[in-house]
Structures are given as C-alpha cells and as structure tokens.
Amino acid sequence: MTEPYLFRVVVPRRDYQRVEWLAEVLRGEGFELLWAKVDRLFEQRSDLDAVEIVFVARLAAKARRELERRLAASLRGSIGFFVSHPYKR
C-alpha cells in the first residue's frame, strides 16, 4: 500500500552534485515536484546558495525508507539535509 510523503531536500549549491540523481527519481511514477528553487544567502559566496527541492512521493513504507537511506548517504559530510513526513492535502 502506498502512502504520500512530503520530502524537502536542502543543500548548498557546492554540494548539489551529491543529489543530482534525485532528478531522475523525480521523473518516476508517483512523484510530484512541488517546487525547486535557489536562494542566494551570501553575496560573496555563491557556492553557499541554498538549493531547495520539495516533492510528494507516493511510496510503500519500504521504498520510502530506501529513498531516505539513499538521501542520508548522499548528504553525509555535507551541511545539506532532508526532511520527510506523511503528506495530507
């Protein structure tokens, strides 16, 4: 049984390559991109711009845990983070 989960991924621009694989996953069935944006935080440090991706994924519990593990492994050693929780419209 699939349930909708809201995911929010935030990484500095310099670490975006760590989660580039996410673009391919978002093209998959059951994923809805809500927004993707870049926030300029420091005028002199564009490498620290915040890249934010928010999407809803309809996944079974096992698939959600696997996506969370993959995100955690990708962001290990970075100041980037992700948050996921059940989504209610």
Protein backbone atom coordinates (compact mmCIF):
# COMPACT_ATOMS: atom_id res chain seq x y z
CA MET A 1 0.00 0.00 0.00
CA THR A 2 1.42 3.38 -0.98
CA GLU A 3 1.15 6.49 1.13
CA PRO A 4 2.03 10.07 0.18
CA TYR A 5 5.11 11.56 1.86
CA LEU A 6 6.38 15.10 1.62
CA PHE A 7 10.15 15.39 1.12
CA ARG A 8 12.16 18.59 1.46
CA VAL A 9 15.82 18.48 0.43
CA VAL A 10 18.10 21.48 1.03
CA VAL A 11 21.78 21.51 0.02
CA PRO A 12 24.36 24.20 -0.64
CA ARG A 13 24.98 24.76 -4.34
CA ARG A 14 28.52 23.37 -3.99
CA ASP A 15 27.07 20.00 -2.87
CA TYR A 16 24.24 19.76 -5.39
CA GLN A 17 26.09 17.06 -7.36
CA ARG A 18 25.55 14.77 -4.36
CA VAL A 19 21.78 14.70 -5.03
CA GLU A 20 21.70 15.13 -8.82
CA TRP A 21 20.42 11.55 -9.04
CA LEU A 22 17.21 12.84 -7.43
CA ALA A 23 16.18 14.50 -10.73
CA GLU A 24 15.98 11.06 -12.36
CA VAL A 25 13.97 9.66 -9.43
CA LEU A 26 11.50 12.56 -9.66
CA ARG A 27 10.68 11.59 -13.24
CA GLY A 28 9.44 8.27 -11.88
CA GLU A 29 5.85 7.35 -11.36
CA GLY A 30 4.20 8.54 -8.15
CA PHE A 31 6.38 11.62 -7.63
CA GLU A 32 5.07 15.19 -7.79
CA LEU A 33 7.53 18.09 -7.75
CA LEU A 34 6.05 20.97 -5.75
CA TRP A 35 8.95 23.38 -6.19
CA ALA A 36 12.67 23.67 -6.76
CA LYS A 37 14.47 26.93 -6.13
CA VAL A 38 17.83 28.50 -5.32
CA ASP A 39 18.10 31.08 -2.54
CA ARG A 40 21.05 33.48 -2.53
CA LEU A 41 22.24 33.70 1.05
CA PHE A 42 25.61 35.44 0.77
CA GLU A 43 26.52 37.95 -1.96
CA GLN A 44 30.20 36.94 -1.97
CA ARG A 45 29.72 33.16 -1.59
CA SER A 46 27.53 31.79 -4.38
CA ASP A 47 28.79 28.29 -3.55
CA LEU A 48 26.71 28.52 -0.35
CA ASP A 49 23.44 29.36 -2.15
CA ALA A 50 20.70 27.05 -0.85
CA VAL A 51 19.16 24.68 -3.39
CA GLU A 52 15.75 23.53 -2.16
CA ILE A 53 13.67 20.73 -3.69
CA VAL A 54 10.23 19.85 -2.32
CA PHE A 55 8.23 16.94 -3.68
CA VAL A 56 5.50 14.47 -2.78
CA ALA A 57 6.22 10.79 -3.27
CA ARG A 58 3.61 8.06 -3.15
CA LEU A 59 5.63 5.14 -1.83
CA ALA A 60 5.28 1.97 0.15
CA ALA A 61 6.98 2.12 3.56
CA LYS A 62 9.95 0.01 2.41
CA ALA A 63 10.54 2.19 -0.67
CA ARG A 64 10.32 5.35 1.45
CA ARG A 65 12.94 4.02 3.86
CA GLU A 66 15.21 3.14 0.93
CA LEU A 67 14.88 6.66 -0.51
CA GLU A 68 15.64 8.13 2.92
CA ARG A 69 18.73 5.89 3.27
CA ARG A 70 19.97 6.95 -0.15
CA LEU A 71 19.45 10.64 0.65
CA ALA A 72 21.19 10.24 4.02
CA ALA A 73 24.18 8.52 2.38
CA SER A 74 24.39 11.21 -0.31
CA LEU A 75 24.30 14.05 2.20
CA ARG A 76 26.72 12.53 4.73
CA GLY A 77 29.55 15.00 5.28
CA SER A 78 27.55 17.92 3.89
CA ILE A 79 25.65 20.71 5.62
CA GLY A 80 22.68 19.73 3.46
CA PHE A 81 19.66 17.98 4.94
CA PHE A 82 16.33 16.39 4.09
CA VAL A 83 13.05 16.05 5.94
CA SER A 84 10.19 13.66 5.17
CA HIS A 85 6.81 13.20 6.77
CA PRO A 86 3.33 11.95 5.84
CA TYR A 87 1.55 14.32 3.46
CA LYS A 88 -2.01 15.37 3.96
CA ARG A 89 -3.64 17.65 1.42
